[in-house]
Protein backbone atom coordinates (compact mmCIF):
# COMPACT_ATOMS: atom_id res chain seq x y z
CA MET A 1 -30.62 4.01 69.89
CA VAL A 2 -29.77 4.02 66.14
CA LYS A 3 -31.46 6.80 64.20
CA ARG A 4 -33.41 5.49 61.15
CA GLN A 5 -33.58 7.19 57.75
CA LEU A 6 -34.82 6.46 54.28
CA PRO A 7 -32.23 4.67 52.06
CA ASN A 8 -30.22 7.01 49.90
CA PRO A 9 -29.67 5.50 46.40
CA LYS A 10 -26.28 7.19 46.21
CA ASP A 11 -25.15 5.45 49.39
CA ILE A 12 -26.44 2.10 48.17
CA PHE A 13 -24.36 2.19 45.00
CA GLU A 14 -21.24 3.02 47.01
CA TYR A 15 -21.55 -0.40 48.67
CA VAL A 16 -23.11 -2.46 45.89
CA GLN A 17 -22.00 -2.70 42.27
CA PHE A 18 -23.56 -4.86 39.61
CA LYS A 19 -21.23 -7.24 37.81
CA LYS A 20 -21.01 -6.68 34.08
CA PRO A 21 -22.50 -9.64 32.20
CA THR A 22 -20.21 -11.84 30.10
CA PHE A 23 -22.01 -13.02 26.99
CA ASN A 24 -19.25 -15.34 25.77
CA GLY A 25 -20.10 -18.73 27.29
CA ARG A 26 -16.53 -20.08 27.26
CA GLN A 27 -15.12 -16.95 28.83
CA ARG A 28 -17.87 -16.91 31.45
CA ARG A 29 -17.36 -20.48 32.63
CA LEU A 30 -13.57 -20.10 32.70
CA GLN A 31 -13.80 -16.89 34.72
CA ASP A 32 -15.91 -18.74 37.28
CA ALA A 33 -13.24 -21.45 37.65
CA LEU A 34 -11.10 -20.51 40.64
CA THR A 35 -9.29 -23.84 41.14
CA ILE A 36 -8.10 -26.77 39.07
CA TYR A 37 -10.93 -28.79 40.60
CA ASP A 38 -13.36 -26.21 39.20
CA LEU A 39 -11.88 -26.79 35.75
CA ARG A 40 -12.22 -30.53 36.29
CA ALA A 41 -15.93 -30.12 37.03
CA ILE A 42 -16.43 -28.09 33.84
CA ALA A 43 -14.43 -30.63 31.84
CA LYS A 44 -16.57 -33.48 33.11
CA ARG A 45 -19.75 -31.70 32.01
CA ARG A 46 -18.45 -30.94 28.55
CA THR A 47 -16.60 -34.12 27.61
CA PRO A 48 -17.96 -37.61 26.82
CA ALA A 49 -17.38 -40.05 29.65
CA ALA A 50 -14.91 -42.24 27.74
CA ALA A 51 -12.60 -39.34 26.90
CA PHE A 52 -12.92 -37.71 30.32
CA ASP A 53 -12.30 -40.98 32.16
CA TYR A 54 -9.20 -41.67 30.08
CA THR A 55 -7.77 -38.45 31.47
CA ASP A 56 -9.19 -38.61 34.97
CA GLY A 57 -8.73 -42.33 35.60
CA ALA A 58 -5.80 -44.42 36.72
CA ALA A 59 -4.85 -48.08 37.02
CA GLU A 60 -6.65 -50.80 38.98
CA GLY A 61 -8.26 -49.32 42.12
CA GLU A 62 -6.73 -45.88 41.40
CA LEU A 63 -5.05 -45.85 44.81
CA SER A 64 -1.78 -44.36 43.56
CA ILE A 65 -3.30 -41.15 42.25
CA LEU A 66 -5.53 -40.75 45.30
CA ARG A 67 -2.56 -41.19 47.62
CA ALA A 68 -0.44 -38.78 45.57
CA ARG A 69 -3.04 -36.03 45.81
CA GLN A 70 -3.61 -36.74 49.49
CA ALA A 71 0.13 -36.44 50.13
CA PHE A 72 0.10 -32.88 48.82
CA GLU A 73 -2.95 -32.02 50.92
CA ASP A 74 -1.27 -33.51 53.99
CA ILE A 75 1.44 -30.88 54.32
CA GLU A 76 1.96 -28.16 56.86
CA PHE A 77 3.60 -24.88 55.85
CA HIS A 78 5.81 -22.88 58.21
CA PRO A 79 5.75 -19.21 57.18
CA ASP A 80 8.26 -16.56 58.23
CA ILE A 81 6.72 -13.40 59.63
CA LEU A 82 7.70 -9.77 59.16
CA ARG A 83 9.60 -10.56 55.98
CA PRO A 84 8.41 -8.37 53.10
CA ALA A 85 7.51 -10.32 49.96
CA GLU A 86 5.48 -7.82 47.99
CA ASP A 87 6.98 -8.87 44.68
CA VAL A 88 7.94 -12.51 44.17
CA ASP A 89 10.09 -14.01 41.45
CA THR A 90 8.75 -17.36 40.22
CA SER A 91 11.34 -17.82 37.46
CA THR A 92 13.92 -20.57 37.43
CA GLU A 93 16.64 -22.15 35.33
CA ILE A 94 15.98 -25.74 34.34
CA LEU A 95 18.07 -28.04 32.16
CA GLY A 96 20.07 -25.23 30.63
CA GLY A 97 17.25 -22.83 29.91
CA PRO A 98 14.76 -20.46 31.54
CA SER A 99 11.23 -21.05 32.75
CA ALA A 100 8.95 -18.29 34.02
CA MET A 101 7.53 -20.66 36.65
CA PRO A 102 8.70 -23.86 38.34
CA PHE A 103 6.39 -26.09 36.31
CA GLY A 104 5.90 -27.20 32.75
CA ILE A 105 3.33 -29.20 30.82
CA ALA A 106 3.83 -32.95 31.05
CA PRO A 107 3.52 -35.33 28.08
CA THR A 108 0.00 -36.66 27.56
CA GLY A 109 -1.23 -39.16 25.01
CA PHE A 110 -4.28 -38.99 22.71
CA THR A 111 -4.68 -35.34 23.64
CA ARG A 112 -6.84 -34.24 20.73
CA LEU A 113 -9.47 -36.76 21.80
CA MET A 114 -9.91 -34.73 24.98
CA GLN A 115 -10.48 -31.53 23.00
CA THR A 116 -9.73 -30.97 19.36
CA GLU A 117 -7.12 -28.22 19.86
CA GLY A 118 -4.97 -30.74 21.71
CA GLU A 119 -1.22 -30.24 21.84
CA ILE A 120 -1.43 -27.11 19.73
CA ALA A 121 -3.33 -25.41 22.57
CA GLY A 122 -0.91 -26.76 25.17
CA ALA A 123 2.23 -25.76 23.29
CA GLY A 124 0.86 -22.31 22.45
CA ALA A 125 -0.21 -21.64 26.04
CA ALA A 126 3.13 -22.86 27.40
CA GLY A 127 5.04 -20.66 24.99
CA ALA A 128 2.96 -17.62 25.89
CA ALA A 129 3.52 -18.27 29.60
CA GLY A 130 7.25 -18.89 29.21
CA ILE A 131 7.21 -22.49 30.46
CA PRO A 132 8.27 -25.74 28.70
CA PHE A 133 5.86 -28.00 26.82
CA THR A 134 6.43 -31.75 26.51
CA LEU A 135 5.11 -33.77 23.55
CA SER A 136 4.37 -37.45 24.11
CA THR A 137 5.31 -40.28 21.78
CA LEU A 138 1.57 -41.03 21.91
CA GLY A 139 0.66 -37.42 21.20
CA THR A 140 -1.87 -36.61 18.52
CA THR A 141 0.09 -33.79 16.90
CA SER A 142 3.32 -34.17 14.99
CA ILE A 143 6.68 -33.02 16.29
CA GLU A 144 6.93 -30.46 13.54
CA ASP A 145 3.45 -29.00 14.16
CA VAL A 146 4.19 -28.58 17.88
CA LYS A 147 7.34 -26.70 16.97
CA ALA A 148 5.30 -24.47 14.66
CA ALA A 149 2.81 -23.79 17.47
CA ASN A 150 5.60 -22.90 19.91
CA PRO A 151 8.43 -21.64 17.68
CA ASP A 152 10.23 -19.50 20.24
CA GLY A 153 9.44 -21.45 23.41
CA ARG A 154 11.00 -24.53 24.95
CA ASN A 155 9.78 -27.87 23.58
CA TRP A 156 10.63 -31.21 25.18
CA PHE A 157 9.96 -34.69 23.78
CA GLN A 158 8.92 -37.75 25.79
CA LEU A 159 10.17 -41.04 24.34
CA TYR A 160 8.81 -44.54 24.72
CA VAL A 161 11.21 -47.21 23.52
CA LEU A 162 8.98 -49.12 21.13
CA ARG A 163 9.24 -52.74 20.06
CA ASP A 164 10.39 -51.45 16.72
CA ARG A 165 13.52 -49.65 17.86
CA GLU A 166 14.00 -47.96 14.51
CA VAL A 167 10.73 -46.07 15.02
CA SER A 168 12.00 -44.76 18.36
CA TYR A 169 15.34 -43.77 16.82
CA GLY A 170 13.53 -41.92 14.05
CA LEU A 171 11.47 -39.96 16.58
CA VAL A 172 14.62 -38.96 18.44
CA GLU A 173 16.18 -37.68 15.23
CA ARG A 174 13.02 -35.75 14.25
CA ALA A 175 12.76 -34.09 17.67
CA ALA A 176 16.41 -33.08 17.55
CA ALA A 177 16.03 -31.69 14.03
CA ALA A 178 12.99 -29.66 15.16
CA GLY A 179 14.99 -28.01 17.94
CA PHE A 180 13.52 -29.78 20.96
CA ASP A 181 16.09 -29.28 23.72
CA THR A 182 15.29 -32.04 26.22
CA LEU A 183 14.37 -35.73 25.92
CA HIS A 184 12.28 -37.46 28.59
CA PHE A 185 13.26 -41.13 28.41
CA THR A 186 10.31 -42.92 30.04
CA VAL A 187 11.05 -46.11 31.98
CA ASP A 188 7.85 -46.94 33.88
CA THR A 189 5.80 -48.36 31.00
CA PRO A 190 7.22 -51.73 29.90
CA VAL A 191 3.59 -52.85 29.52
CA ALA A 192 0.27 -51.04 29.72
CA GLY A 193 -1.31 -50.54 33.12
CA ASN A 194 -4.76 -51.98 33.78
CA ARG A 195 -6.85 -48.84 33.30
CA MET A 196 -10.23 -50.26 34.09
CA ARG A 197 -12.29 -47.18 33.26
CA ASP A 198 -11.15 -47.51 29.64
CA TYR A 199 -12.26 -51.11 29.44
CA ARG A 200 -15.62 -50.33 31.01
CA ASN A 201 -16.17 -47.41 28.65
CA GLY A 202 -14.94 -49.32 25.60
CA PHE A 203 -12.56 -46.45 24.97
CA SER A 204 -10.68 -47.09 21.73
CA ILE A 205 -8.98 -45.29 18.85
CA PRO A 206 -11.01 -44.43 16.84
CA PRO A 207 -14.01 -44.22 19.21
CA GLN A 208 -16.38 -47.19 18.88
CA LEU A 209 -20.05 -46.23 18.98
CA THR A 210 -22.36 -48.15 21.30
CA VAL A 211 -25.79 -47.32 22.69
CA LYS A 212 -24.08 -46.15 25.87
CA THR A 213 -21.60 -43.86 24.09
CA VAL A 214 -24.31 -42.40 21.87
CA LEU A 215 -26.52 -41.61 24.87
CA ASP A 216 -23.56 -40.09 26.68
CA THR A 217 -22.67 -37.94 23.67
CA LEU A 218 -26.14 -36.57 22.91
CA PRO A 219 -25.90 -33.78 25.54
CA ARG A 220 -22.43 -32.87 24.15
CA PRO A 221 -22.89 -32.43 20.39
CA TRP A 222 -20.09 -29.86 20.23
CA TRP A 223 -17.51 -32.55 21.02
CA TRP A 224 -18.54 -34.69 18.07
CA PHE A 225 -18.81 -31.63 15.83
CA ASP A 226 -15.24 -30.64 16.69
CA PHE A 227 -13.99 -34.22 16.31
CA LEU A 228 -15.61 -34.79 12.91
CA THR A 229 -14.85 -31.39 11.37
CA THR A 230 -11.14 -31.20 12.21
CA PRO A 231 -8.17 -33.06 10.67
CA LYS A 232 -7.76 -36.76 11.33
CA LEU A 233 -5.76 -37.65 14.41
CA GLU A 234 -2.03 -37.85 13.75
CA PHE A 235 0.06 -39.81 16.21
CA ALA A 236 3.69 -39.01 16.76
CA SER A 237 4.62 -42.65 16.15
CA LEU A 238 1.85 -45.24 15.92
CA LYS A 239 0.52 -46.27 12.56
CA SER A 240 -2.18 -48.62 13.83
CA THR A 241 -5.32 -47.03 15.24
CA GLY A 242 -7.41 -50.09 15.99
CA GLY A 243 -8.26 -51.53 19.39
CA THR A 244 -8.48 -50.08 22.85
CA VAL A 245 -5.98 -47.57 24.14
CA GLY A 246 -4.50 -50.27 26.36
CA ASP A 247 -4.09 -52.53 23.30
CA LEU A 248 -2.29 -49.79 21.41
CA ILE A 249 0.09 -49.11 24.28
CA GLY A 250 0.67 -52.83 24.69
CA GLN A 251 1.61 -53.12 21.02
CA ALA A 252 3.96 -50.15 21.25
CA MET A 253 5.73 -50.77 24.56
CA ASP A 254 8.49 -53.32 25.06
CA PRO A 255 9.13 -55.10 28.39
CA THR A 256 12.74 -55.81 27.33
CA ILE A 257 13.73 -52.14 27.64
CA SER A 258 17.07 -51.91 29.47
CA TYR A 259 20.09 -49.76 30.31
CA GLU A 260 21.52 -50.70 26.91
CA ASP A 261 18.61 -48.87 25.28
CA LEU A 262 19.36 -45.84 27.43
CA ALA A 263 22.98 -45.90 26.27
CA THR A 264 21.89 -46.05 22.63
CA ILE A 265 19.45 -43.16 22.97
CA ARG A 266 22.07 -41.17 24.86
CA GLU A 267 24.38 -41.46 21.85
CA LEU A 268 21.63 -40.39 19.44
CA TRP A 269 20.32 -37.41 21.41
CA PRO A 270 22.39 -34.20 21.31
CA GLY A 271 20.51 -32.32 24.04
CA LYS A 272 19.64 -32.87 27.68
CA ILE A 273 18.28 -36.30 28.67
CA VAL A 274 15.98 -36.88 31.63
CA ILE A 275 14.79 -40.23 32.98
CA LYS A 276 11.07 -40.15 33.67
CA GLY A 277 9.44 -42.68 35.98
CA VAL A 278 12.06 -43.13 38.73
CA GLN A 279 10.45 -44.66 41.82
CA ASN A 280 13.21 -45.59 44.26
CA VAL A 281 16.45 -44.21 45.67
CA PRO A 282 18.91 -46.84 44.33
CA ASP A 283 17.73 -46.29 40.75
CA ALA A 284 18.04 -42.53 41.20
CA VAL A 285 21.61 -42.92 42.45
CA LYS A 286 22.62 -45.23 39.62
CA LEU A 287 21.20 -42.93 36.95
CA ILE A 288 22.88 -39.81 38.35
CA ASP A 289 26.17 -41.71 38.57
CA MET A 290 25.73 -42.65 34.90
CA GLY A 291 25.63 -38.93 34.09
CA VAL A 292 22.03 -38.36 33.02
CA ASP A 293 20.96 -34.74 33.13
CA GLY A 294 17.93 -35.15 35.37
CA LEU A 295 15.29 -37.37 36.92
CA VAL A 296 11.51 -37.16 37.08
CA LEU A 297 10.12 -38.87 40.16
CA SER A 298 6.84 -40.20 38.84
CA ASN A 299 4.50 -43.17 38.99
CA HIS A 300 2.98 -42.15 35.66
CA GLY A 301 0.09 -40.38 37.31
CA GLY A 302 -0.97 -43.64 38.94
CA ARG A 303 -1.74 -45.03 35.49
CA GLN A 304 0.70 -47.95 35.50
CA LEU A 305 1.45 -49.80 38.75
CA ASP A 306 -1.24 -49.16 41.32
CA ARG A 307 0.02 -48.79 44.91
CA ALA A 308 3.29 -47.45 43.52
CA PRO A 309 5.43 -45.12 45.68
CA ILE A 310 4.18 -41.58 46.17
CA PRO A 311 6.64 -39.29 44.32
CA PHE A 312 6.17 -36.41 46.77
CA HIS A 313 7.05 -38.67 49.70
CA LEU A 314 10.05 -40.05 47.80
CA LEU A 315 11.36 -36.58 46.92
CA PRO A 316 13.23 -35.68 50.15
CA ARG A 317 15.03 -39.04 50.24
CA VAL A 318 16.19 -38.78 46.63
CA VAL A 319 17.33 -35.17 47.08
CA ARG A 320 19.18 -36.09 50.25
CA GLU A 321 20.93 -38.95 48.46
CA VAL A 322 21.91 -37.42 45.12
CA GLY A 323 22.38 -33.87 46.37
CA ARG A 324 20.55 -30.66 45.64
CA ASP A 325 22.87 -29.98 42.72
CA ALA A 326 21.24 -32.82 40.78
CA THR A 327 18.20 -31.94 38.65
CA VAL A 328 15.37 -33.75 40.39
CA MET A 329 11.86 -33.11 39.11
CA ILE A 330 8.47 -34.46 40.16
CA ASP A 331 5.00 -35.07 38.80
CA THR A 332 1.80 -36.96 39.77
CA GLY A 333 -0.99 -35.48 41.85
CA ILE A 334 -0.28 -31.76 41.44
CA MET A 335 -3.58 -29.85 41.60
CA ASN A 336 -2.58 -26.59 43.29
CA GLY A 337 0.23 -24.06 43.10
CA ALA A 338 0.92 -24.78 46.76
CA ASP A 339 1.81 -28.36 45.75
CA ILE A 340 4.46 -26.92 43.44
CA VAL A 341 5.84 -24.60 46.12
CA ALA A 342 6.06 -27.47 48.61
CA SER A 343 7.91 -29.61 46.04
CA VAL A 344 10.47 -26.87 45.39
CA ALA A 345 10.93 -26.35 49.13
CA LEU A 346 11.76 -30.04 49.54
CA GLY A 347 14.39 -29.93 46.81
CA ALA A 348 12.63 -30.38 43.46
CA LYS A 349 14.13 -28.24 40.72
CA PHE A 350 10.95 -28.41 38.66
CA THR A 351 7.50 -29.96 38.44
CA LEU A 352 5.22 -31.17 35.64
CA ILE A 353 1.44 -31.01 35.35
CA GLY A 354 -0.61 -33.47 33.30
CA ARG A 355 -4.22 -33.81 34.34
CA ALA A 356 -4.40 -30.19 35.50
CA TYR A 357 -3.49 -29.10 31.97
CA LEU A 358 -5.98 -31.50 30.37
CA TYR A 359 -8.83 -30.38 32.65
CA GLY A 360 -8.28 -26.85 31.36
CA LEU A 361 -8.08 -28.08 27.78
CA MET A 362 -11.38 -29.96 28.07
CA ALA A 363 -13.00 -27.01 29.84
CA GLY A 364 -12.16 -24.46 27.18
CA GLY A 365 -9.47 -25.36 24.64
CA ARG A 366 -6.52 -22.98 24.47
CA ALA A 367 -8.30 -20.47 26.73
CA GLY A 368 -8.80 -23.25 29.27
CA VAL A 369 -5.08 -24.11 29.28
CA ASP A 370 -4.31 -20.42 29.75
CA ARG A 371 -6.71 -20.48 32.71
CA THR A 372 -4.96 -23.50 34.22
CA ILE A 373 -1.62 -21.72 34.05
CA ALA A 374 -3.11 -18.49 35.47
CA ILE A 375 -4.67 -20.34 38.42
CA LEU A 376 -1.41 -22.11 39.28
CA ARG A 377 0.61 -18.91 38.86
CA SER A 378 -1.70 -17.07 41.26
CA GLU A 379 -1.53 -19.88 43.82
CA ILE A 380 2.27 -20.06 43.60
CA GLU A 381 2.70 -16.32 44.05
CA ARG A 382 0.21 -16.11 46.92
CA THR A 383 1.76 -19.08 48.74
CA MET A 384 5.25 -17.61 48.41
CA LYS A 385 4.09 -14.24 49.75
CA LEU A 386 2.38 -15.87 52.70
CA LEU A 387 5.53 -17.87 53.43
CA GLY A 388 7.61 -14.69 53.35
CA VAL A 389 9.88 -15.68 50.45
CA GLN A 390 10.61 -13.56 47.39
CA SER A 391 12.24 -16.16 45.17
CA LEU A 392 12.26 -19.92 44.68
CA GLU A 393 15.84 -20.04 45.96
CA GLU A 394 14.63 -18.90 49.38
CA LEU A 395 12.36 -21.93 49.76
CA GLU A 396 13.85 -24.52 52.11
CA PRO A 397 12.80 -27.85 53.65
CA ARG A 398 12.07 -26.02 56.91
CA HIS A 399 9.09 -24.38 55.22
CA VAL A 400 7.25 -27.70 54.83
CA THR A 401 6.35 -30.65 57.00
CA GLN A 402 5.02 -33.78 55.31
CA LEU A 403 2.23 -35.20 57.44
CA THR A 404 1.39 -38.88 57.08
CA ARG A 405 -1.84 -40.81 57.39
CA VAL A 406 -0.32 -44.24 56.81
CA LEU A 407 3.02 -45.48 58.15
CA PRO A 408 5.00 -48.48 56.88
CA VAL A 409 4.62 -51.63 58.99
CA PRO A 410 7.84 -52.14 61.00
CA VAL A 411 9.91 -55.20 60.05
CA ALA A 412 12.38 -56.82 62.43
CA TYR A 413 13.27 -60.30 61.29
CA GLY A 414 15.53 -62.02 58.75
CA GLU A 415 16.91 -60.03 55.85
CA ALA A 416 14.58 -57.13 56.63
CA ALA A 417 16.24 -56.70 60.03
CA GLU A 418 19.69 -56.83 58.45
CA ALA A 419 18.66 -54.00 56.12
CA LEU A 420 18.21 -51.79 59.18
CA ALA A 421 21.76 -52.33 60.41
CA PRO A 422 23.87 -49.15 60.61
CA THR A 423 26.56 -48.56 58.02
CA SER A 424 29.79 -46.59 58.16
CA ALA A 425 29.56 -45.45 54.53
CA PRO A 426 30.08 -41.70 54.12
CA VAL A 427 27.12 -39.41 53.49
CA ARG A 428 26.79 -38.43 49.84
CA THR A 429 27.70 -34.82 49.11
CA PRO A 430 25.91 -32.61 46.57
CA ARG A 431 27.58 -32.26 43.20
CA ALA A 432 26.79 -31.16 39.68
CA THR A 433 25.79 -33.79 37.16
CA SER A 434 27.68 -34.47 33.95
CA LYS A 435 27.32 -36.76 30.97
CA ALA A 436 30.56 -38.49 31.79
CA ALA A 437 30.01 -41.92 33.32
CA ALA A 438 31.00 -42.17 36.97
CA LYS A 439 32.53 -45.13 38.76
CA PRO A 440 30.06 -47.80 39.91
CA ARG A 441 28.59 -47.03 43.28
CA THR A 442 29.40 -49.26 46.24
CA LYS A 443 26.63 -51.44 47.60
CA ALA A 444 26.33 -49.65 50.94
CA ALA A 445 25.37 -46.05 50.25
CA ALA A 446 23.99 -44.42 53.36
CA LYS A 447 22.06 -45.20 56.46
CA THR A 448 18.46 -46.13 56.00
CA PRO A 449 15.99 -43.72 57.61
CA ALA A 450 15.27 -46.31 60.29
CA ALA A 451 18.96 -46.76 61.05
CA GLU A 452 19.54 -43.00 61.21
CA THR A 453 16.64 -42.59 63.63
CA ALA A 454 17.92 -45.42 65.79
CA ALA A 455 21.44 -43.97 65.89
CA GLU A 456 20.16 -40.58 66.97
CA ALA A 457 18.13 -42.16 69.77
CA GLY A 458 21.05 -44.24 71.05
CA THR A 459 19.34 -47.56 70.31
CA THR A 460 19.96 -50.40 67.92
CA PRO A 461 17.77 -50.54 64.80
CA LEU A 462 16.00 -53.61 66.14
CA GLU A 463 15.23 -51.87 69.44
CA ALA A 464 13.90 -48.86 67.52
CA VAL A 465 11.57 -51.09 65.52
CA GLU A 466 10.35 -52.81 68.68
CA GLN A 467 9.75 -49.46 70.35
CA SER A 468 7.86 -48.29 67.28
CA SER A 469 5.69 -51.38 67.39
CA GLU A 470 4.99 -50.85 71.08
CA ALA A 471 4.03 -47.24 70.41
CA VAL A 472 1.63 -48.30 67.68
CA GLU A 473 0.04 -50.89 69.96
CA ALA A 474 -0.33 -48.30 72.73
CA ALA A 475 -1.94 -45.85 70.34
CA GLU A 476 -4.35 -48.49 69.09
CA LYS A 477 -5.26 -49.41 72.66
CA ALA A 478 -5.85 -45.76 73.54
CA VAL A 479 -8.17 -45.35 70.56
CA ALA A 480 -10.02 -48.53 71.50
CA ASP A 481 -10.46 -47.34 75.10
């Protein structure tokens, strides 16, 4: 029987300690944010719906962004045991320069509407953390001011080819003169995506007041105070500020953008050039053969073509095709440091965060962006330690399994069946990229995944498809029973 005694205050305070109060409201709410989703919740409370939804939303039914995030959640890690990883090295070399972590800040438009510190906060936080910052053509801070905010860090510029080509050429020259070292040539925005939240909110530049927007803003007076007492928005390119955001993008973008434009920009730009918005293997192969310096697998955060390919699912196929010596990067859907680790394990050289950065910005300005970076850094380091790896170079595809919820419907007739036929073309070998143009690639490149699977099983591609269909039918029958 346990002997009872009166509580000893000294013993109590050995087990219980009172937390020191934090009187700074911003610091307190950021300290309580343990995940990017926590920052998102804070951002939603503190930001008017129109501005928050511009960041948080996507095109049409928003299926692309939901699937992208789900793809990262549907992974299985395979850790190594009894391998000391007390200290991990998260640094990497990317596009000719260093980065303290395998991610940088992606280009985002209209950023100062989210929170008045905008790109200045993002560039300053990136510089302090030792990671690259990317300014958008539709950014709300000038090229020169971003350079001033991050004078010693790495600055990248994201370029839209506008209808007025001379404007685009001028931006390229300004970014080069300011010392930006990498250009992200964006190819997935010939026209504006149908971002329905913006239409429903009447989101425009400048904001248009309605009864709904006024009522939504009343509980958030600090947002309007910041907006009205800080300098007027300055766009990196656009002169017009009337109409909805979709209207502005529609006026700026040009559906006639082509490989000829890429060649022209390549001649103008003295630094590294990356193609942002690649969404299939053949395009990736063609661009690497043309000698570009890197690719960003991206569906624009789900903000352009809804139901677009999931970049994380596309990643292993592109890496397998162009080789691990090519600079393949990825964005869209990253909400956790583990997502970044998984991407690196499957062959990505680097990753970019967009919404995660903006959630931090809306939650607390520069301090909120610092918090975003700190959360991701902690998650990356912890994941690497639990996997038993001490550096990014030790991460391999064997560490990750991509689980799937939805499988493509098998096809077996007509041209689709012919596409499954095996080919005798040699497997592509890894090689370093260069700016020199390579010879055109032959039509047949490598076996399709279906053909490779069929060959390994000793069946024809058509038989493999039929067997797959039979397996699906059997599974459906088992579920029904």
